[in-house]
PDB file of N, CA and C in Angstrom:
ATOM      1  N   MET A   1       0.815  -1.179   0.000  1.00  0.00           N
ATOM      2  CA  MET A   1       0.000   0.000   0.000  1.00  0.00           C
ATOM      3  C   MET A   1       0.870   1.259   0.000  1.00  0.00           C
ATOM      4  N   ILE A   2       1.848   1.343   0.873  1.00  0.00           N
ATOM      5  CA  ILE A   2       2.698   2.533   0.966  1.00  0.00           C
ATOM      6  C   ILE A   2       3.468   2.748  -0.326  1.00  0.00           C
ATOM      7  N   LEU A   3       4.107   1.701  -0.816  1.00  0.00           N
ATOM      8  CA  LEU A   3       4.933   1.849  -2.016  1.00  0.00           C
ATOM      9  C   LEU A   3       4.111   2.164  -3.259  1.00  0.00           C
ATOM     10  N   SER A   4       2.870   1.734  -3.307  1.00  0.00           N
ATOM     11  CA  SER A   4       2.032   2.073  -4.463  1.00  0.00           C
ATOM     12  C   SER A   4       1.658   3.552  -4.452  1.00  0.00           C
ATOM     13  N   LYS A   5       1.558   4.148  -3.281  1.00  0.00           N
ATOM     14  CA  LYS A   5       1.223   5.574  -3.160  1.00  0.00           C
ATOM     15  C   LYS A   5       2.468   6.457  -3.142  1.00  0.00           C
ATOM     16  N   MET A   6       3.585   5.914  -2.618  1.00  0.00           N
ATOM     17  CA  MET A   6       4.831   6.674  -2.483  1.00  0.00           C
ATOM     18  C   MET A   6       5.993   5.798  -2.919  1.00  0.00           C
ATOM     19  N   PRO A   7       6.217   5.644  -4.233  1.00  0.00           N
ATOM     20  CA  PRO A   7       7.226   4.717  -4.749  1.00  0.00           C
ATOM     21  C   PRO A   7       8.652   4.983  -4.267  1.00  0.00           C
ATOM     22  N   ALA A   8       8.969   6.205  -3.887  1.00  0.00           N
ATOM     23  CA  ALA A   8      10.327   6.532  -3.441  1.00  0.00           C
ATOM     24  C   ALA A   8      10.550   6.221  -1.958  1.00  0.00           C
ATOM     25  N   ALA A   9       9.506   5.808  -1.259  1.00  0.00           N
ATOM     26  CA  ALA A   9       9.630   5.523   0.176  1.00  0.00           C
ATOM     27  C   ALA A   9      10.519   4.304   0.409  1.00  0.00           C
ATOM     28  N   LYS A  10      11.275   4.343   1.480  1.00  0.00           N
ATOM     29  CA  LYS A  10      12.102   3.209   1.890  1.00  0.00           C
ATOM     30  C   LYS A  10      11.419   2.588   3.106  1.00  0.00           C
ATOM     31  N   VAL A  11      10.923   1.372   2.936  1.00  0.00           N
ATOM     32  CA  VAL A  11      10.142   0.708   3.974  1.00  0.00           C
ATOM     33  C   VAL A  11      10.908  -0.492   4.488  1.00  0.00           C
ATOM     34  N   SER A  12      10.946  -0.663   5.806  1.00  0.00           N
ATOM     35  CA  SER A  12      11.608  -1.838   6.369  1.00  0.00           C
ATOM     36  C   SER A  12      10.789  -2.386   7.525  1.00  0.00           C
ATOM     37  N   LEU A  13      10.968  -3.660   7.763  1.00  0.00           N
ATOM     38  CA  LEU A  13      10.306  -4.350   8.858  1.00  0.00           C
ATOM     39  C   LEU A  13      11.383  -4.884   9.776  1.00  0.00           C
ATOM     40  N   ARG A  14      11.265  -4.556  11.041  1.00  0.00           N
ATOM     41  CA  ARG A  14      12.232  -5.060  12.011  1.00  0.00           C
ATOM     42  C   ARG A  14      11.517  -5.949  13.011  1.00  0.00           C
ATOM     43  N   LYS A  15      12.051  -7.125  13.193  1.00  0.00           N
ATOM     44  CA  LYS A  15      11.475  -8.090  14.118  1.00  0.00           C
ATOM     45  C   LYS A  15      11.604  -7.570  15.548  1.00  0.00           C
ATOM     46  N   SER A  16      10.536  -7.749  16.311  1.00  0.00           N
ATOM     47  CA  SER A  16      10.584  -7.371  17.721  1.00  0.00           C
ATOM     48  C   SER A  16       9.639  -8.279  18.497  1.00  0.00           C
ATOM     49  N   ARG A  17       9.480  -7.987  19.758  1.00  0.00           N
ATOM     50  CA  ARG A  17       8.597  -8.799  20.604  1.00  0.00           C
ATOM     51  C   ARG A  17       7.519  -7.923  21.225  1.00  0.00           C
ATOM     52  N   GLY A  18       6.489  -8.550  21.723  1.00  0.00           N
ATOM     53  CA  GLY A  18       5.490  -7.850  22.504  1.00  0.00           C
ATOM     54  C   GLY A  18       4.478  -7.042  21.720  1.00  0.00           C
ATOM     55  N   GLY A  19       4.317  -7.325  20.444  1.00  0.00           N
ATOM     56  CA  GLY A  19       3.311  -6.619  19.666  1.00  0.00           C
ATOM     57  C   GLY A  19       3.648  -5.175  19.359  1.00  0.00           C
ATOM     58  N   VAL A  20       4.927  -4.853  19.334  1.00  0.00           N
ATOM     59  CA  VAL A  20       5.350  -3.485  19.040  1.00  0.00           C
ATOM     60  C   VAL A  20       5.069  -3.165  17.577  1.00  0.00           C
ATOM     61  N   PHE A  21       4.461  -2.026  17.333  1.00  0.00           N
ATOM     62  CA  PHE A  21       4.250  -1.537  15.970  1.00  0.00           C
ATOM     63  C   PHE A  21       4.502  -0.047  16.007  1.00  0.00           C
ATOM     64  N   GLU A  22       5.557   0.390  15.324  1.00  0.00           N
ATOM     65  CA  GLU A  22       5.911   1.803  15.314  1.00  0.00           C
ATOM     66  C   GLU A  22       6.172   2.263  13.889  1.00  0.00           C
ATOM     67  N   ILE A  23       5.851   3.509  13.638  1.00  0.00           N
ATOM     68  CA  ILE A  23       6.169   4.139  12.359  1.00  0.00           C
ATOM     69  C   ILE A  23       7.144   5.262  12.663  1.00  0.00           C
ATOM     70  N   THR A  24       8.336   5.184  12.057  1.00  0.00           N
ATOM     71  CA  THR A  24       9.319   6.253  12.214  1.00  0.00           C
ATOM     72  C   THR A  24       9.637   6.836  10.843  1.00  0.00           C
ATOM     73  N   VAL A  25       9.859   8.134  10.814  1.00  0.00           N
ATOM     74  CA  VAL A  25      10.219   8.843   9.591  1.00  0.00           C
ATOM     75  C   VAL A  25      11.439   9.686   9.905  1.00  0.00           C
ATOM     76  N   ASP A  26      12.520   9.452   9.178  1.00  0.00           N
ATOM     77  CA  ASP A  26      13.779  10.173   9.402  1.00  0.00           C
ATOM     78  C   ASP A  26      14.207  10.117  10.867  1.00  0.00           C
ATOM     79  N   GLY A  27      14.037   8.947  11.478  1.00  0.00           N
ATOM     80  CA  GLY A  27      14.466   8.745  12.855  1.00  0.00           C
ATOM     81  C   GLY A  27      13.508   9.279  13.911  1.00  0.00           C
ATOM     82  N   ARG A  28      12.398   9.866  13.486  1.00  0.00           N
ATOM     83  CA  ARG A  28      11.424  10.411  14.436  1.00  0.00           C
ATOM     84  C   ARG A  28      10.202   9.503  14.522  1.00  0.00           C
ATOM     85  N   LEU A  29       9.802   9.181  15.744  1.00  0.00           N
ATOM     86  CA  LEU A  29       8.632   8.334  15.958  1.00  0.00           C
ATOM     87  C   LEU A  29       7.372   9.111  15.582  1.00  0.00           C
ATOM     88  N   ARG A  30       6.593   8.549  14.660  1.00  0.00           N
ATOM     89  CA  ARG A  30       5.362   9.215  14.207  1.00  0.00           C
ATOM     90  C   ARG A  30       4.108   8.495  14.703  1.00  0.00           C
ATOM     91  N   PHE A  31       4.220   7.194  14.994  1.00  0.00           N
ATOM     92  CA  PHE A  31       3.093   6.435  15.531  1.00  0.00           C
ATOM     93  C   PHE A  31       3.628   5.299  16.378  1.00  0.00           C
ATOM     94  N   SER A  32       2.986   5.065  17.506  1.00  0.00           N
ATOM     95  CA  SER A  32       3.346   3.952  18.383  1.00  0.00           C
ATOM     96  C   SER A  32       2.071   3.237  18.814  1.00  0.00           C
ATOM     97  N   LYS A  33       1.989   1.952  18.511  1.00  0.00           N
ATOM     98  CA  LYS A  33       0.839   1.156  18.941  1.00  0.00           C
ATOM     99  C   LYS A  33       0.771   1.119  20.459  1.00  0.00           C
ATOM    100  N   LYS A  34       1.918   1.069  21.101  1.00  0.00           N
ATOM    101  CA  LYS A  34       1.951   1.028  22.565  1.00  0.00           C
ATOM    102  C   LYS A  34       1.349   2.302  23.161  1.00  0.00           C
ATOM    103  N   SER A  35       1.707   3.447  22.611  1.00  0.00           N
ATOM    104  CA  SER A  35       1.169   4.716  23.118  1.00  0.00           C
ATOM    105  C   SER A  35      -0.304   4.899  22.768  1.00  0.00           C
ATOM    106  N   ALA A  36      -0.669   4.540  21.535  1.00  0.00           N
ATOM    107  CA  ALA A  36      -2.046   4.738  21.067  1.00  0.00           C
ATOM    108  C   ALA A  36      -2.995   3.655  21.571  1.00  0.00           C
ATOM    109  N   GLY A  37      -2.438   2.486  21.896  1.00  0.00           N
ATOM    110  CA  GLY A  37      -3.273   1.382  22.347  1.00  0.00           C
ATOM    111  C   GLY A  37      -4.011   0.676  21.219  1.00  0.00           C
ATOM    112  N   ARG A  38      -3.551   0.898  19.987  1.00  0.00           N
ATOM    113  CA  ARG A  38      -4.214   0.308  18.814  1.00  0.00           C
ATOM    114  C   ARG A  38      -3.283   0.375  17.611  1.00  0.00           C
ATOM    115  N   PHE A  39      -3.636  -0.381  16.568  1.00  0.00           N
ATOM    116  CA  PHE A  39      -2.932  -0.269  15.293  1.00  0.00           C
ATOM    117  C   PHE A  39      -3.463   0.964  14.563  1.00  0.00           C
ATOM    118  N   PRO A  40      -2.679   1.537  13.662  1.00  0.00           N
ATOM    119  CA  PRO A  40      -3.182   2.677  12.894  1.00  0.00           C
ATOM    120  C   PRO A  40      -4.274   2.231  11.922  1.00  0.00           C
ATOM    121  N   ALA A  41      -5.243   3.092  11.699  1.00  0.00           N
ATOM    122  CA  ALA A  41      -6.323   2.816  10.751  1.00  0.00           C
ATOM    123  C   ALA A  41      -5.827   3.074   9.331  1.00  0.00           C
ATOM    124  N   GLY A  42      -6.441   2.411   8.350  1.00  0.00           N
ATOM    125  CA  GLY A  42      -6.140   2.518   6.922  1.00  0.00           C
ATOM    126  C   GLY A  42      -5.214   3.633   6.469  1.00  0.00           C
ATOM    127  N   ASP A  43      -5.775   4.778   6.143  1.00  0.00           N
ATOM    128  CA  ASP A  43      -4.988   5.885   5.598  1.00  0.00           C
ATOM    129  C   ASP A  43      -4.145   6.601   6.648  1.00  0.00           C
ATOM    130  N   GLU A  44      -4.294   6.243   7.901  1.00  0.00           N
ATOM    131  CA  GLU A  44      -3.508   6.866   8.968  1.00  0.00           C
ATOM    132  C   GLU A  44      -2.014   6.599   8.783  1.00  0.00           C
ATOM    133  N   VAL A  45      -1.668   5.444   8.245  1.00  0.00           N
ATOM    134  CA  VAL A  45      -0.259   5.128   7.978  1.00  0.00           C
ATOM    135  C   VAL A  45       0.301   6.117   6.970  1.00  0.00           C
ATOM    136  N   LEU A  46      -0.411   6.329   5.884  1.00  0.00           N
ATOM    137  CA  LEU A  46       0.042   7.289   4.871  1.00  0.00           C
ATOM    138  C   LEU A  46       0.109   8.701   5.437  1.00  0.00           C
ATOM    139  N   ALA A  47      -0.845   9.065   6.276  1.00  0.00           N
ATOM    140  CA  ALA A  47      -0.836  10.393   6.888  1.00  0.00           C
ATOM    141  C   ALA A  47       0.387  10.575   7.786  1.00  0.00           C
ATOM    142  N   CYS A  48       0.822   9.509   8.439  1.00  0.00           N
ATOM    143  CA  CYS A  48       1.996   9.579   9.316  1.00  0.00           C
ATOM    144  C   CYS A  48       3.280   9.845   8.542  1.00  0.00           C
ATOM    145  N   ILE A  49       3.348   9.344   7.318  1.00  0.00           N
ATOM    146  CA  ILE A  49       4.607   9.472   6.575  1.00  0.00           C
ATOM    147  C   ILE A  49       4.585  10.581   5.528  1.00  0.00           C
ATOM    148  N   ALA A  50       3.420  11.170   5.305  1.00  0.00           N
ATOM    149  CA  ALA A  50       3.313  12.241   4.296  1.00  0.00           C
ATOM    150  C   ALA A  50       3.910  13.539   4.802  1.00  0.00           C
TER     151      ALA A  50
END
């Protein structure tokens, strides 16, 4: 989904434990499942990186 909307984006997946899901952009945390208590909704991922 991300690459189809933003082909120049560099996306990586890092293995972790405990259900951690974070979105970082240029080293800055933009979304944290732990802080929000939920996964991001559909277009919320794109909004975080735009």
